[in-house]
Amino acid sequence: AEQILTGDCMRRQDFKYWPIPFSGPMPAAQQSPYFISSVAWAQRNGFGKTPSTHSAGPDPNRYYFDHLASGRQTAYGLRLFGLSPHAAQVQVAIPLGGVIGHSQDGCQASAERNLYGNFGEWFRASTVVANLKPTWQAQVVGNPRYKSAVIRWARCMQTEGYTWSSPADAATAFRLPPEIRPPKQEIHAAVASAWCAMNTNLAAITRRLNASSANTLRAKYRSEVTALRRLQLQAIPVAQAIIKR
């Protein structure tokens, strides 16, 4: 519905815009952002597929933009994102630190305003909530208990013949397109990584740290979490009317 509204707005501004379809759930990925936590999963999936930015095919909006004259490209950005130095801004401090802002002008903001009623409230709530997970994950990997467990994991991996210093290094070693991956080598390494995560207590420690950090942050930003849910629920009938018209 947001994409339909954005397209309608851009056409009124004498530009073309193709609504970007929802791509559906991502293919199999690691069960945990920290490591693989299941030997059975690793046996089936290795380290998981590398996300592809081209899986949904070419972007007609990017193609259209790239073939506009430079002056029209500037106008396109102004109309879509409200990229004007004089536009009113909404700004929000994010949990990781720093401030993110967005223009209240432009078709993107207009579409979200039509859906959620209050663009400023929507932007603040959705931006904060979107940044909660990266924040608590950063807290977990920075925790001394997690770091100590990773050292034990690396020692365990050495007994399996690997010298990676962390699960992230192990997964990165196989971040290749699926068609040129060495599946047997990857599966063997992924199984070893999962086994060591469980047998060095890395998995159990990380689960506890992750739950604690997530609960603490959700409580701290409860008003934003509640506001986001309320705005999403209120937008459902609006969105249904848009896609059925």
C-alpha atoms as a PDB file:
ATOM      1  CA  ALA A   1       0.000   0.000   0.000  1.00  0.00           C
ATOM      2  CA  GLU A   2       2.854   2.380   0.782  1.00  0.00           C
ATOM      3  CA  GLN A   3       4.414   1.660  -2.606  1.00  0.00           C
ATOM      4  CA  ILE A   4       1.096   2.260  -4.383  1.00  0.00           C
ATOM      5  CA  LEU A   5       0.681   5.606  -2.642  1.00  0.00           C
ATOM      6  CA  THR A   6       4.253   6.556  -3.482  1.00  0.00           C
ATOM      7  CA  GLY A   7       3.692   5.726  -7.141  1.00  0.00           C
ATOM      8  CA  ASP A   8       0.480   7.751  -7.262  1.00  0.00           C
ATOM      9  CA  CYS A   9       2.273  10.720  -5.755  1.00  0.00           C
ATOM     10  CA  MET A  10       5.220  10.514  -8.155  1.00  0.00           C
ATOM     11  CA  ARG A  11       2.929  10.336 -11.169  1.00  0.00           C
ATOM     12  CA  ARG A  12       1.219  13.501  -9.997  1.00  0.00           C
ATOM     13  CA  GLN A  13       4.693  15.057 -10.023  1.00  0.00           C
ATOM     14  CA  ASP A  14       5.177  13.998 -13.678  1.00  0.00           C
ATOM     15  CA  PHE A  15       7.498  11.083 -12.880  1.00  0.00           C
ATOM     16  CA  LYS A  16       7.168   7.358 -13.375  1.00  0.00           C
ATOM     17  CA  TYR A  17       7.406   5.031 -10.388  1.00  0.00           C
ATOM     18  CA  TRP A  18       6.927   1.284 -10.202  1.00  0.00           C
ATOM     19  CA  PRO A  19       5.734  -0.080  -6.833  1.00  0.00           C
ATOM     20  CA  ILE A  20       8.348  -2.454  -5.422  1.00  0.00           C
ATOM     21  CA  PRO A  21       6.685  -5.794  -4.598  1.00  0.00           C
ATOM     22  CA  PHE A  22       7.107  -7.438  -1.231  1.00  0.00           C
ATOM     23  CA  SER A  23       9.720 -10.134  -1.764  1.00  0.00           C
ATOM     24  CA  GLY A  24       8.497 -12.509   0.932  1.00  0.00           C
ATOM     25  CA  PRO A  25      10.632 -14.253   3.548  1.00  0.00           C
ATOM     26  CA  MET A  26      14.381 -14.505   3.063  1.00  0.00           C
ATOM     27  CA  PRO A  27      15.917 -17.868   2.144  1.00  0.00           C
ATOM     28  CA  ALA A  28      17.486 -20.031   4.812  1.00  0.00           C
ATOM     29  CA  ALA A  29      19.975 -18.034   6.865  1.00  0.00           C
ATOM     30  CA  GLN A  30      21.826 -18.615  10.070  1.00  0.00           C
ATOM     31  CA  GLN A  31      19.544 -19.261  13.022  1.00  0.00           C
ATOM     32  CA  SER A  32      21.506 -16.813  15.143  1.00  0.00           C
ATOM     33  CA  PRO A  33      23.271 -13.583  14.190  1.00  0.00           C
ATOM     34  CA  TYR A  34      26.187 -14.743  16.338  1.00  0.00           C
ATOM     35  CA  PHE A  35      26.764 -18.339  15.252  1.00  0.00           C
ATOM     36  CA  ILE A  36      25.047 -21.515  14.062  1.00  0.00           C
ATOM     37  CA  SER A  37      23.336 -23.113  17.028  1.00  0.00           C
ATOM     38  CA  SER A  38      22.181 -26.440  15.543  1.00  0.00           C
ATOM     39  CA  VAL A  39      24.310 -29.233  14.123  1.00  0.00           C
ATOM     40  CA  ALA A  40      21.288 -30.592  12.224  1.00  0.00           C
ATOM     41  CA  TRP A  41      20.683 -27.182  10.622  1.00  0.00           C
ATOM     42  CA  ALA A  42      24.365 -26.886   9.693  1.00  0.00           C
ATOM     43  CA  GLN A  43      24.272 -30.337   8.075  1.00  0.00           C
ATOM     44  CA  ARG A  44      21.429 -29.160   5.813  1.00  0.00           C
ATOM     45  CA  ASN A  45      22.430 -25.550   5.155  1.00  0.00           C
ATOM     46  CA  GLY A  46      26.106 -25.058   5.876  1.00  0.00           C
ATOM     47  CA  PHE A  47      26.489 -21.439   6.934  1.00  0.00           C
ATOM     48  CA  GLY A  48      23.332 -20.420   5.065  1.00  0.00           C
ATOM     49  CA  LYS A  49      22.885 -18.692   1.745  1.00  0.00           C
ATOM     50  CA  THR A  50      24.556 -15.389   1.028  1.00  0.00           C
ATOM     51  CA  PRO A  51      21.835 -12.741   0.564  1.00  0.00           C
ATOM     52  CA  SER A  52      21.721 -11.478  -2.993  1.00  0.00           C
ATOM     53  CA  THR A  53      20.832  -7.926  -3.890  1.00  0.00           C
ATOM     54  CA  HIS A  54      19.834  -9.120  -7.371  1.00  0.00           C
ATOM     55  CA  SER A  55      17.459 -11.941  -6.420  1.00  0.00           C
ATOM     56  CA  ALA A  56      14.344  -9.938  -7.200  1.00  0.00           C
ATOM     57  CA  GLY A  57      15.540  -8.954 -10.685  1.00  0.00           C
ATOM     58  CA  PRO A  58      16.396  -5.507 -12.049  1.00  0.00           C
ATOM     59  CA  ASP A  59      14.974  -2.440 -10.316  1.00  0.00           C
ATOM     60  CA  PRO A  60      12.864  -0.499 -12.838  1.00  0.00           C
ATOM     61  CA  ASN A  61      12.984   2.624 -10.680  1.00  0.00           C
ATOM     62  CA  ARG A  62      16.795   2.587 -10.611  1.00  0.00           C
ATOM     63  CA  TYR A  63      16.885   2.055 -14.387  1.00  0.00           C
ATOM     64  CA  TYR A  64      14.426   4.907 -14.904  1.00  0.00           C
ATOM     65  CA  PHE A  65      16.380   7.238 -12.614  1.00  0.00           C
ATOM     66  CA  ASP A  66      19.725   6.409 -14.238  1.00  0.00           C
ATOM     67  CA  HIS A  67      18.361   7.380 -17.650  1.00  0.00           C
ATOM     68  CA  LEU A  68      16.951  10.740 -16.600  1.00  0.00           C
ATOM     69  CA  ALA A  69      18.798  13.937 -17.452  1.00  0.00           C
ATOM     70  CA  SER A  70      20.812  15.285 -14.518  1.00  0.00           C
ATOM     71  CA  GLY A  71      18.325  18.060 -13.836  1.00  0.00           C
ATOM     72  CA  ARG A  72      15.444  15.616 -13.821  1.00  0.00           C
ATOM     73  CA  GLN A  73      17.383  13.335 -11.464  1.00  0.00           C
ATOM     74  CA  THR A  74      17.666  16.185  -8.994  1.00  0.00           C
ATOM     75  CA  ALA A  75      13.950  16.866  -9.303  1.00  0.00           C
ATOM     76  CA  TYR A  76      13.188  13.154  -8.897  1.00  0.00           C
ATOM     77  CA  GLY A  77      15.067  13.010  -5.600  1.00  0.00           C
ATOM     78  CA  LEU A  78      13.359  16.172  -4.436  1.00  0.00           C
ATOM     79  CA  ARG A  79       9.911  14.787  -5.214  1.00  0.00           C
ATOM     80  CA  LEU A  80      10.508  11.311  -3.829  1.00  0.00           C
ATOM     81  CA  PHE A  81      12.527  12.037  -0.699  1.00  0.00           C
ATOM     82  CA  GLY A  82      11.872  15.745  -0.135  1.00  0.00           C
ATOM     83  CA  LEU A  83      15.570  16.497  -0.598  1.00  0.00           C
ATOM     84  CA  SER A  84      15.327  20.232  -0.123  1.00  0.00           C
ATOM     85  CA  PRO A  85      17.427  22.278   2.338  1.00  0.00           C
ATOM     86  CA  HIS A  86      14.263  24.145   3.259  1.00  0.00           C
ATOM     87  CA  ALA A  87      12.137  21.067   4.013  1.00  0.00           C
ATOM     88  CA  ALA A  88      11.007  20.454   7.577  1.00  0.00           C
ATOM     89  CA  GLN A  89      12.856  17.552   9.178  1.00  0.00           C
ATOM     90  CA  VAL A  90      11.934  14.856  11.670  1.00  0.00           C
ATOM     91  CA  GLN A  91      14.902  13.719  13.729  1.00  0.00           C
ATOM     92  CA  VAL A  92      15.290  10.904  16.222  1.00  0.00           C
ATOM     93  CA  ALA A  93      18.131   9.767  18.465  1.00  0.00           C
ATOM     94  CA  ILE A  94      18.753   6.059  17.925  1.00  0.00           C
ATOM     95  CA  PRO A  95      19.763   3.571  20.650  1.00  0.00           C
ATOM     96  CA  LEU A  96      23.219   2.918  19.158  1.00  0.00           C
ATOM     97  CA  GLY A  97      23.992   6.605  19.320  1.00  0.00           C
ATOM     98  CA  GLY A  98      23.669   9.386  16.793  1.00  0.00           C
ATOM     99  CA  VAL A  99      20.683  10.989  15.124  1.00  0.00           C
ATOM    100  CA  ILE A 100      18.739   9.977  12.020  1.00  0.00           C
ATOM    101  CA  GLY A 101      16.586  12.477  10.195  1.00  0.00           C
ATOM    102  CA  HIS A 102      14.068  12.454   7.359  1.00  0.00           C
ATOM    103  CA  SER A 103      12.365  15.182   5.388  1.00  0.00           C
ATOM    104  CA  GLN A 104       8.649  15.633   5.990  1.00  0.00           C
ATOM    105  CA  ASP A 105       8.279  16.550   2.317  1.00  0.00           C
ATOM    106  CA  GLY A 106       8.335  14.191  -0.651  1.00  0.00           C
ATOM    107  CA  CYS A 107       6.229  11.292  -1.825  1.00  0.00           C
ATOM    108  CA  GLN A 108       7.733   8.761   0.558  1.00  0.00           C
ATOM    109  CA  ALA A 109       6.789  10.831   3.598  1.00  0.00           C
ATOM    110  CA  SER A 110       3.415  11.599   2.056  1.00  0.00           C
ATOM    111  CA  ALA A 111       2.663   7.895   1.562  1.00  0.00           C
ATOM    112  CA  GLU A 112       3.590   7.061   5.158  1.00  0.00           C
ATOM    113  CA  ARG A 113       1.579  10.023   6.433  1.00  0.00           C
ATOM    114  CA  ASN A 114      -1.489   8.782   4.538  1.00  0.00           C
ATOM    115  CA  LEU A 115      -1.035   5.279   5.935  1.00  0.00           C
ATOM    116  CA  TYR A 116      -0.121   6.018   9.534  1.00  0.00           C
ATOM    117  CA  GLY A 117      -1.724   9.410  10.091  1.00  0.00           C
ATOM    118  CA  ASN A 118       1.265  11.095  11.715  1.00  0.00           C
ATOM    119  CA  PHE A 119       4.528  10.881   9.797  1.00  0.00           C
ATOM    120  CA  GLY A 120       6.638  12.285  12.612  1.00  0.00           C
ATOM    121  CA  GLU A 121       5.339   9.775  15.144  1.00  0.00           C
ATOM    122  CA  TRP A 122       5.687   6.921  12.662  1.00  0.00           C
ATOM    123  CA  PHE A 123       9.238   7.833  11.688  1.00  0.00           C
ATOM    124  CA  ARG A 124      10.396   8.168  15.285  1.00  0.00           C
ATOM    125  CA  ALA A 125       8.800   4.920  16.451  1.00  0.00           C
ATOM    126  CA  SER A 126       9.788   2.812  13.419  1.00  0.00           C
ATOM    127  CA  THR A 127      13.360   4.128  13.370  1.00  0.00           C
ATOM    128  CA  VAL A 128      13.945   3.474  17.069  1.00  0.00           C
ATOM    129  CA  VAL A 129      12.436  -0.018  16.946  1.00  0.00           C
ATOM    130  CA  ALA A 130      14.394  -0.913  13.793  1.00  0.00           C
ATOM    131  CA  ASN A 131      17.581  -0.049  15.658  1.00  0.00           C
ATOM    132  CA  LEU A 132      16.843  -2.029  18.821  1.00  0.00           C
ATOM    133  CA  LYS A 133      18.056  -5.384  17.512  1.00  0.00           C
ATOM    134  CA  PRO A 134      21.405  -4.077  16.177  1.00  0.00           C
ATOM    135  CA  THR A 135      21.882  -2.348  19.522  1.00  0.00           C
ATOM    136  CA  TRP A 136      21.335  -5.387  21.716  1.00  0.00           C
ATOM    137  CA  GLN A 137      23.423  -7.532  19.371  1.00  0.00           C
ATOM    138  CA  ALA A 138      26.284  -5.048  19.719  1.00  0.00           C
ATOM    139  CA  GLN A 139      25.878  -5.223  23.486  1.00  0.00           C
ATOM    140  CA  VAL A 140      26.066  -9.021  23.404  1.00  0.00           C
ATOM    141  CA  VAL A 141      29.255  -9.238  21.327  1.00  0.00           C
ATOM    142  CA  GLY A 142      30.839  -6.561  23.508  1.00  0.00           C
ATOM    143  CA  ASN A 143      30.037  -8.403  26.735  1.00  0.00           C
ATOM    144  CA  PRO A 144      33.092  -9.937  28.485  1.00  0.00           C
ATOM    145  CA  ARG A 145      31.206 -13.202  29.033  1.00  0.00           C
ATOM    146  CA  TYR A 146      30.560 -13.517  25.304  1.00  0.00           C
ATOM    147  CA  LYS A 147      34.182 -12.703  24.470  1.00  0.00           C
ATOM    148  CA  SER A 148      35.442 -15.343  26.896  1.00  0.00           C
ATOM    149  CA  ALA A 149      33.079 -17.921  25.397  1.00  0.00           C
ATOM    150  CA  VAL A 150      34.298 -17.091  21.884  1.00  0.00           C
ATOM    151  CA  ILE A 151      37.887 -17.731  22.993  1.00  0.00           C
ATOM    152  CA  ARG A 152      36.819 -21.179  24.194  1.00  0.00           C
ATOM    153  CA  TRP A 153      34.991 -21.719  20.890  1.00  0.00           C
ATOM    154  CA  ALA A 154      38.168 -20.873  18.944  1.00  0.00           C
ATOM    155  CA  ARG A 155      40.163 -23.393  21.010  1.00  0.00           C
ATOM    156  CA  CYS A 156      37.538 -26.017  20.292  1.00  0.00           C
ATOM    157  CA  MET A 157      37.721 -25.243  16.574  1.00  0.00           C
ATOM    158  CA  GLN A 158      41.488 -25.675  16.649  1.00  0.00           C
ATOM    159  CA  THR A 159      40.973 -29.284  17.713  1.00  0.00           C
ATOM    160  CA  GLU A 160      38.833 -29.667  14.566  1.00  0.00           C
ATOM    161  CA  GLY A 161      41.591 -28.250  12.388  1.00  0.00           C
ATOM    162  CA  TYR A 162      40.348 -24.662  12.004  1.00  0.00           C
ATOM    163  CA  THR A 163      42.081 -21.435  13.030  1.00  0.00           C
ATOM    164  CA  TRP A 164      39.223 -18.943  12.923  1.00  0.00           C
ATOM    165  CA  SER A 165      39.077 -16.634  15.927  1.00  0.00           C
ATOM    166  CA  SER A 166      35.290 -16.221  15.935  1.00  0.00           C
ATOM    167  CA  PRO A 167      32.106 -17.723  14.430  1.00  0.00           C
ATOM    168  CA  ALA A 168      31.773 -14.618  12.261  1.00  0.00           C
ATOM    169  CA  ASP A 169      35.199 -15.281  10.721  1.00  0.00           C
ATOM    170  CA  ALA A 170      34.155 -18.870  10.015  1.00  0.00           C
ATOM    171  CA  ALA A 171      30.965 -17.816   8.242  1.00  0.00           C
ATOM    172  CA  THR A 172      32.738 -15.060   6.290  1.00  0.00           C
ATOM    173  CA  ALA A 173      35.162 -17.600   4.860  1.00  0.00           C
ATOM    174  CA  PHE A 174      32.257 -19.124   2.942  1.00  0.00           C
ATOM    175  CA  ARG A 175      30.491 -15.936   1.860  1.00  0.00           C
ATOM    176  CA  LEU A 176      30.517 -16.883  -1.804  1.00  0.00           C
ATOM    177  CA  PRO A 177      27.755 -17.210  -4.413  1.00  0.00           C
ATOM    178  CA  PRO A 178      25.983 -20.574  -4.004  1.00  0.00           C
ATOM    179  CA  GLU A 179      27.054 -21.860  -7.413  1.00  0.00           C
ATOM    180  CA  ILE A 180      30.781 -21.733  -6.555  1.00  0.00           C
ATOM    181  CA  ARG A 181      30.644 -22.782  -2.933  1.00  0.00           C
ATOM    182  CA  PRO A 182      32.454 -25.963  -1.860  1.00  0.00           C
ATOM    183  CA  PRO A 183      29.483 -27.601  -0.105  1.00  0.00           C
ATOM    184  CA  LYS A 184      31.317 -30.459   1.590  1.00  0.00           C
ATOM    185  CA  GLN A 185      33.966 -28.176   3.052  1.00  0.00           C
ATOM    186  CA  GLU A 186      31.375 -25.658   4.151  1.00  0.00           C
ATOM    187  CA  ILE A 187      29.105 -28.203   5.774  1.00  0.00           C
ATOM    188  CA  HIS A 188      32.023 -29.752   7.634  1.00  0.00           C
ATOM    189  CA  ALA A 189      33.116 -26.350   8.932  1.00  0.00           C
ATOM    190  CA  ALA A 190      29.559 -25.303   9.821  1.00  0.00           C
ATOM    191  CA  VAL A 191      28.943 -28.513  11.744  1.00  0.00           C
ATOM    192  CA  ALA A 192      32.192 -28.016  13.663  1.00  0.00           C
ATOM    193  CA  SER A 193      31.213 -24.413  14.422  1.00  0.00           C
ATOM    194  CA  ALA A 194      27.788 -25.445  15.726  1.00  0.00           C
ATOM    195  CA  TRP A 195      29.218 -28.329  17.776  1.00  0.00           C
ATOM    196  CA  CYS A 196      31.808 -26.065  19.383  1.00  0.00           C
ATOM    197  CA  ALA A 197      29.194 -23.382  20.100  1.00  0.00           C
ATOM    198  CA  MET A 198      27.167 -25.900  22.080  1.00  0.00           C
ATOM    199  CA  ASN A 199      30.021 -27.705  23.795  1.00  0.00           C
ATOM    200  CA  THR A 200      31.850 -24.597  24.989  1.00  0.00           C
ATOM    201  CA  ASN A 201      28.640 -23.098  26.412  1.00  0.00           C
ATOM    202  CA  LEU A 202      28.821 -20.266  23.877  1.00  0.00           C
ATOM    203  CA  ALA A 203      25.274 -20.986  22.734  1.00  0.00           C
ATOM    204  CA  ALA A 204      23.778 -20.980  26.244  1.00  0.00           C
ATOM    205  CA  ILE A 205      25.676 -17.857  27.333  1.00  0.00           C
ATOM    206  CA  THR A 206      24.694 -15.978  24.194  1.00  0.00           C
ATOM    207  CA  ARG A 207      21.023 -16.890  24.548  1.00  0.00           C
ATOM    208  CA  ARG A 208      20.985 -15.512  28.092  1.00  0.00           C
ATOM    209  CA  LEU A 209      22.842 -12.325  27.150  1.00  0.00           C
ATOM    210  CA  ASN A 210      20.655 -11.807  24.085  1.00  0.00           C
ATOM    211  CA  ALA A 211      17.412 -12.199  26.034  1.00  0.00           C
ATOM    212  CA  SER A 212      18.620  -9.909  28.820  1.00  0.00           C
ATOM    213  CA  SER A 213      19.755  -7.124  26.470  1.00  0.00           C
ATOM    214  CA  ALA A 214      16.632  -7.414  24.308  1.00  0.00           C
ATOM    215  CA  ASN A 215      14.276  -7.226  27.302  1.00  0.00           C
ATOM    216  CA  THR A 216      16.161  -4.284  28.797  1.00  0.00           C
ATOM    217  CA  LEU A 217      16.053  -2.288  25.575  1.00  0.00           C
ATOM    218  CA  ARG A 218      12.408  -3.095  24.846  1.00  0.00           C
ATOM    219  CA  ALA A 219      11.514  -1.907  28.337  1.00  0.00           C
ATOM    220  CA  LYS A 220      13.593   1.252  27.957  1.00  0.00           C
ATOM    221  CA  TYR A 221      11.920   2.074  24.633  1.00  0.00           C
ATOM    222  CA  ARG A 222       8.504   0.678  25.506  1.00  0.00           C
ATOM    223  CA  SER A 223       6.694   3.829  24.388  1.00  0.00           C
ATOM    224  CA  GLU A 224       8.203   3.577  20.881  1.00  0.00           C
ATOM    225  CA  VAL A 225       7.471  -0.173  20.660  1.00  0.00           C
ATOM    226  CA  THR A 226       3.869   0.434  21.727  1.00  0.00           C
ATOM    227  CA  ALA A 227       3.452   3.373  19.361  1.00  0.00           C
ATOM    228  CA  LEU A 228       4.767   1.396  16.402  1.00  0.00           C
ATOM    229  CA  ARG A 229       2.371  -1.473  17.035  1.00  0.00           C
ATOM    230  CA  ARG A 230      -0.573   0.901  17.446  1.00  0.00           C
ATOM    231  CA  LEU A 231       0.242   2.754  14.210  1.00  0.00           C
ATOM    232  CA  GLN A 232       0.653  -0.510  12.297  1.00  0.00           C
ATOM    233  CA  LEU A 233      -2.681  -1.860  13.493  1.00  0.00           C
ATOM    234  CA  GLN A 234      -4.440   1.405  12.684  1.00  0.00           C
ATOM    235  CA  ALA A 235      -2.959   1.354   9.179  1.00  0.00           C
ATOM    236  CA  ILE A 236      -4.309  -2.097   8.267  1.00  0.00           C
ATOM    237  CA  PRO A 237      -7.810  -1.005   7.119  1.00  0.00           C
ATOM    238  CA  VAL A 238      -6.296   1.970   5.281  1.00  0.00           C
ATOM    239  CA  ALA A 239      -3.886  -0.327   3.468  1.00  0.00           C
ATOM    240  CA  GLN A 240      -6.620  -2.839   2.646  1.00  0.00           C
ATOM    241  CA  ALA A 241      -8.714  -0.109   1.032  1.00  0.00           C
ATOM    242  CA  ILE A 242      -5.738   1.061  -1.028  1.00  0.00           C
ATOM    243  CA  ILE A 243      -4.795  -2.324  -2.459  1.00  0.00           C
ATOM    244  CA  LYS A 244      -8.433  -3.216  -3.251  1.00  0.00           C
ATOM    245  CA  ARG A 245      -9.311  -0.076  -5.111  1.00  0.00           C
END
